[in-house]
Amino acid sequence: MDLSFVSVLDSIRSVAITFAIGAFVVINGVALVAFLGNRSRAMVQKWTSPWLAANLLLLGVGAGVPLATGICKTVVQAIAPALTVQEAPTLPAN
């Protein structure tokens, strides 16, 4: 069971990193095109706070989710050998 759980954690980590990087590129690309295309100082002042919040959220997702899944994976791999059920040895008949 621990192997399937570890593989799920690995897939969650890779999906989170891929999503965070992709969204970071899209959000910053759209912002760059919008800000350079408009050259409006009012627009920059209006949208800087939401843009910064989105970037900080993506930084948290991109760093926090892999860190959390890595910690869970380490804990599972450390505890799993202690939880395996082994057959009791049979004593020879006299």
N, C-alpha and C. Protein backbone atom coordinates (compact mmCIF):
# COMPACT_ATOMS: atom_id res chain seq x y z
N MET A 1 0.81 -1.20 0.00
CA MET A 1 0.00 0.00 0.00
C MET A 1 0.85 1.25 0.00
N ASP A 2 1.96 1.22 0.69
CA ASP A 2 2.77 2.42 0.78
C ASP A 2 3.33 2.83 -0.58
N LEU A 3 3.59 1.88 -1.45
CA LEU A 3 4.12 2.23 -2.76
C LEU A 3 3.09 2.98 -3.59
N SER A 4 1.83 2.59 -3.52
CA SER A 4 0.81 3.31 -4.27
C SER A 4 0.57 4.69 -3.68
N PHE A 5 0.64 4.81 -2.37
CA PHE A 5 0.46 6.11 -1.73
C PHE A 5 1.62 7.04 -2.07
N VAL A 6 2.82 6.51 -2.10
CA VAL A 6 4.00 7.31 -2.46
C VAL A 6 3.89 7.77 -3.91
N SER A 7 3.41 6.91 -4.78
CA SER A 7 3.26 7.31 -6.19
C SER A 7 2.18 8.38 -6.34
N VAL A 8 1.13 8.32 -5.54
CA VAL A 8 0.11 9.37 -5.56
C VAL A 8 0.71 10.69 -5.09
N LEU A 9 1.51 10.64 -4.04
CA LEU A 9 2.17 11.86 -3.56
C LEU A 9 3.10 12.44 -4.62
N ASP A 10 3.82 11.59 -5.32
CA ASP A 10 4.69 12.06 -6.40
C ASP A 10 3.90 12.72 -7.52
N SER A 11 2.76 12.13 -7.87
CA SER A 11 1.95 12.72 -8.94
C SER A 11 1.33 14.04 -8.51
N ILE A 12 0.92 14.15 -7.24
CA ILE A 12 0.39 15.42 -6.73
C ILE A 12 1.46 16.49 -6.80
N ARG A 13 2.68 16.13 -6.41
CA ARG A 13 3.78 17.09 -6.44
C ARG A 13 4.04 17.58 -7.86
N SER A 14 4.09 16.68 -8.81
CA SER A 14 4.39 17.10 -10.19
C SER A 14 3.26 17.93 -10.78
N VAL A 15 2.01 17.60 -10.47
CA VAL A 15 0.88 18.39 -10.97
C VAL A 15 0.91 19.79 -10.36
N ALA A 16 1.21 19.90 -9.08
CA ALA A 16 1.25 21.21 -8.43
C ALA A 16 2.35 22.09 -9.01
N ILE A 17 3.52 21.52 -9.23
CA ILE A 17 4.62 22.30 -9.80
C ILE A 17 4.29 22.73 -11.22
N THR A 18 3.74 21.83 -12.01
CA THR A 18 3.38 22.15 -13.40
C THR A 18 2.33 23.24 -13.44
N PHE A 19 1.30 23.13 -12.60
CA PHE A 19 0.25 24.15 -12.55
C PHE A 19 0.82 25.50 -12.13
N ALA A 20 1.64 25.52 -11.09
CA ALA A 20 2.18 26.78 -10.58
C ALA A 20 3.06 27.46 -11.62
N ILE A 21 3.91 26.71 -12.28
CA ILE A 21 4.79 27.31 -13.29
C ILE A 21 3.99 27.81 -14.49
N GLY A 22 3.03 27.00 -14.94
CA GLY A 22 2.21 27.41 -16.07
C GLY A 22 1.38 28.64 -15.77
N ALA A 23 0.74 28.67 -14.61
CA ALA A 23 -0.07 29.83 -14.24
C ALA A 23 0.80 31.06 -14.04
N PHE A 24 2.00 30.88 -13.49
CA PHE A 24 2.93 32.00 -13.30
C PHE A 24 3.30 32.62 -14.64
N VAL A 25 3.61 31.79 -15.61
CA VAL A 25 3.98 32.30 -16.94
C VAL A 25 2.79 33.01 -17.58
N VAL A 26 1.62 32.42 -17.50
CA VAL A 26 0.43 33.02 -18.13
C VAL A 26 0.08 34.35 -17.47
N ILE A 27 0.02 34.39 -16.14
CA ILE A 27 -0.36 35.62 -15.43
C ILE A 27 0.64 36.73 -15.70
N ASN A 28 1.92 36.42 -15.63
CA ASN A 28 2.92 37.46 -15.85
C ASN A 28 3.02 37.87 -17.32
N GLY A 29 2.77 36.94 -18.23
CA GLY A 29 2.74 37.30 -19.64
C GLY A 29 1.58 38.22 -19.98
N VAL A 30 0.41 37.90 -19.45
CA VAL A 30 -0.77 38.75 -19.68
C VAL A 30 -0.55 40.13 -19.05
N ALA A 31 0.00 40.16 -17.85
CA ALA A 31 0.26 41.43 -17.18
C ALA A 31 1.26 42.28 -17.96
N LEU A 32 2.31 41.64 -18.46
CA LEU A 32 3.32 42.37 -19.22
C LEU A 32 2.73 42.97 -20.49
N VAL A 33 1.96 42.17 -21.22
CA VAL A 33 1.33 42.67 -22.45
C VAL A 33 0.35 43.79 -22.14
N ALA A 34 -0.45 43.62 -21.09
CA ALA A 34 -1.43 44.65 -20.73
C ALA A 34 -0.77 45.94 -20.28
N PHE A 35 0.25 45.84 -19.45
CA PHE A 35 0.90 47.04 -18.95
C PHE A 35 1.69 47.77 -20.03
N LEU A 36 2.40 47.02 -20.85
CA LEU A 36 3.17 47.66 -21.91
C LEU A 36 2.27 48.16 -23.04
N GLY A 37 1.17 47.48 -23.26
CA GLY A 37 0.26 47.90 -24.32
C GLY A 37 -0.52 49.15 -23.97
N ASN A 38 -0.87 49.32 -22.71
CA ASN A 38 -1.69 50.46 -22.29
C ASN A 38 -0.87 51.67 -21.88
N ARG A 39 0.22 51.43 -21.21
CA ARG A 39 1.06 52.49 -20.66
C ARG A 39 0.26 53.41 -19.75
N SER A 40 -0.66 52.82 -19.01
CA SER A 40 -1.51 53.58 -18.10
C SER A 40 -1.03 53.39 -16.67
N ARG A 41 -0.66 54.48 -16.04
CA ARG A 41 -0.19 54.42 -14.66
C ARG A 41 -1.32 54.03 -13.71
N ALA A 42 -2.53 54.46 -14.01
CA ALA A 42 -3.69 54.12 -13.17
C ALA A 42 -3.94 52.61 -13.20
N MET A 43 -3.78 52.01 -14.37
CA MET A 43 -3.98 50.57 -14.48
C MET A 43 -2.91 49.81 -13.69
N VAL A 44 -1.69 50.29 -13.75
CA VAL A 44 -0.61 49.65 -13.00
C VAL A 44 -0.89 49.73 -11.50
N GLN A 45 -1.31 50.88 -11.03
CA GLN A 45 -1.60 51.03 -9.60
C GLN A 45 -2.82 50.20 -9.18
N LYS A 46 -3.79 50.06 -10.07
CA LYS A 46 -5.00 49.30 -9.73
C LYS A 46 -4.72 47.80 -9.67
N TRP A 47 -3.90 47.28 -10.58
CA TRP A 47 -3.73 45.83 -10.71
C TRP A 47 -2.46 45.28 -10.07
N THR A 48 -1.62 46.12 -9.49
CA THR A 48 -0.38 45.61 -8.88
C THR A 48 -0.67 44.72 -7.68
N SER A 49 -1.60 45.10 -6.82
CA SER A 49 -1.90 44.29 -5.63
C SER A 49 -2.47 42.91 -5.99
N PRO A 50 -3.47 42.80 -6.87
CA PRO A 50 -3.94 41.46 -7.24
C PRO A 50 -2.87 40.64 -7.96
N TRP A 51 -2.06 41.29 -8.79
CA TRP A 51 -0.98 40.59 -9.48
C TRP A 51 0.04 40.04 -8.49
N LEU A 52 0.41 40.86 -7.51
CA LEU A 52 1.36 40.41 -6.50
C LEU A 52 0.77 39.28 -5.65
N ALA A 53 -0.52 39.39 -5.29
CA ALA A 53 -1.17 38.33 -4.52
C ALA A 53 -1.21 37.01 -5.30
N ALA A 54 -1.49 37.08 -6.59
CA ALA A 54 -1.51 35.87 -7.42
C ALA A 54 -0.13 35.24 -7.50
N ASN A 55 0.90 36.06 -7.64
CA ASN A 55 2.26 35.54 -7.70
C ASN A 55 2.68 34.91 -6.37
N LEU A 56 2.31 35.53 -5.26
CA LEU A 56 2.64 34.95 -3.96
C LEU A 56 1.88 33.65 -3.72
N LEU A 57 0.64 33.59 -4.16
CA LEU A 57 -0.13 32.35 -4.04
C LEU A 57 0.50 31.24 -4.87
N LEU A 58 0.90 31.55 -6.07
CA LEU A 58 1.55 30.55 -6.92
C LEU A 58 2.91 30.12 -6.36
N LEU A 59 3.61 31.05 -5.75
CA LEU A 59 4.87 30.69 -5.09
C LEU A 59 4.61 29.74 -3.93
N GLY A 60 3.56 30.01 -3.17
CA GLY A 60 3.19 29.12 -2.06
C GLY A 60 2.79 27.74 -2.53
N VAL A 61 2.01 27.68 -3.60
CA VAL A 61 1.59 26.39 -4.15
C VAL A 61 2.79 25.65 -4.74
N GLY A 62 3.61 26.37 -5.50
CA GLY A 62 4.75 25.75 -6.16
C GLY A 62 5.82 25.26 -5.20
N ALA A 63 5.93 25.89 -4.04
CA ALA A 63 6.94 25.47 -3.06
C ALA A 63 6.32 24.66 -1.92
N GLY A 64 5.13 25.03 -1.49
CA GLY A 64 4.52 24.39 -0.32
C GLY A 64 3.99 22.99 -0.57
N VAL A 65 3.32 22.79 -1.69
CA VAL A 65 2.77 21.47 -1.98
C VAL A 65 3.88 20.43 -2.17
N PRO A 66 4.92 20.71 -2.95
CA PRO A 66 6.00 19.72 -3.05
C PRO A 66 6.70 19.47 -1.72
N LEU A 67 6.85 20.51 -0.91
CA LEU A 67 7.47 20.33 0.40
C LEU A 67 6.61 19.43 1.29
N ALA A 68 5.31 19.70 1.30
CA ALA A 68 4.41 18.88 2.13
C ALA A 68 4.34 17.44 1.64
N THR A 69 4.29 17.24 0.33
CA THR A 69 4.24 15.87 -0.17
C THR A 69 5.57 15.15 0.06
N GLY A 70 6.67 15.88 0.01
CA GLY A 70 7.96 15.27 0.30
C GLY A 70 8.07 14.83 1.75
N ILE A 71 7.55 15.65 2.66
CA ILE A 71 7.54 15.28 4.08
C ILE A 71 6.65 14.06 4.30
N CYS A 72 5.47 14.06 3.71
CA CYS A 72 4.56 12.90 3.85
C CYS A 72 5.19 11.64 3.27
N LYS A 73 5.86 11.77 2.14
CA LYS A 73 6.51 10.62 1.51
C LYS A 73 7.61 10.06 2.42
N THR A 74 8.38 10.94 3.03
CA THR A 74 9.43 10.50 3.95
C THR A 74 8.86 9.79 5.16
N VAL A 75 7.77 10.34 5.70
CA VAL A 75 7.13 9.72 6.86
C VAL A 75 6.57 8.34 6.50
N VAL A 76 5.92 8.24 5.36
CA VAL A 76 5.37 6.95 4.93
C VAL A 76 6.48 5.92 4.73
N GLN A 77 7.56 6.34 4.10
CA GLN A 77 8.65 5.40 3.87
C GLN A 77 9.35 5.01 5.17
N ALA A 78 9.33 5.88 6.17
CA ALA A 78 9.95 5.55 7.45
C ALA A 78 9.07 4.65 8.30
N ILE A 79 7.76 4.84 8.22
CA ILE A 79 6.83 4.09 9.06
C ILE A 79 6.40 2.78 8.42
N ALA A 80 6.36 2.71 7.11
CA ALA A 80 5.82 1.55 6.41
C ALA A 80 6.49 0.22 6.79
N PRO A 81 7.80 0.15 6.94
CA PRO A 81 8.38 -1.14 7.32
C PRO A 81 7.92 -1.63 8.69
N ALA A 82 7.62 -0.73 9.58
CA ALA A 82 7.16 -1.13 10.91
C ALA A 82 5.71 -1.62 10.89
N LEU A 83 4.98 -1.26 9.85
CA LEU A 83 3.56 -1.62 9.79
C LEU A 83 3.29 -2.88 8.98
N THR A 84 4.30 -3.43 8.35
CA THR A 84 4.07 -4.62 7.54
C THR A 84 3.82 -5.83 8.44
N VAL A 85 2.89 -6.64 8.03
CA VAL A 85 2.53 -7.83 8.79
C VAL A 85 3.36 -8.99 8.27
N GLN A 86 4.03 -9.65 9.17
CA GLN A 86 4.85 -10.79 8.77
C GLN A 86 4.22 -12.04 9.36
N GLU A 87 4.39 -13.13 8.65
CA GLU A 87 3.86 -14.42 9.14
C GLU A 87 4.69 -14.90 10.32
N ALA A 88 4.01 -15.47 11.27
CA ALA A 88 4.72 -16.02 12.43
C ALA A 88 5.43 -17.30 12.00
N PRO A 89 6.63 -17.50 12.48
CA PRO A 89 7.36 -18.71 12.11
C PRO A 89 6.67 -19.95 12.72
N THR A 90 6.66 -20.99 11.96
CA THR A 90 6.06 -22.23 12.47
C THR A 90 7.13 -23.07 13.16
N LEU A 91 6.76 -23.65 14.28
CA LEU A 91 7.68 -24.51 15.04
C LEU A 91 7.62 -25.94 14.49
N PRO A 92 8.74 -26.58 14.42
CA PRO A 92 8.72 -27.95 13.92
C PRO A 92 7.98 -28.87 14.91
N ALA A 93 7.28 -29.83 14.37
CA ALA A 93 6.55 -30.78 15.22
C ALA A 93 7.52 -31.76 15.87
N ASN A 94 7.30 -32.11 17.12
CA ASN A 94 8.15 -33.06 17.85
C ASN A 94 7.66 -34.46 17.71
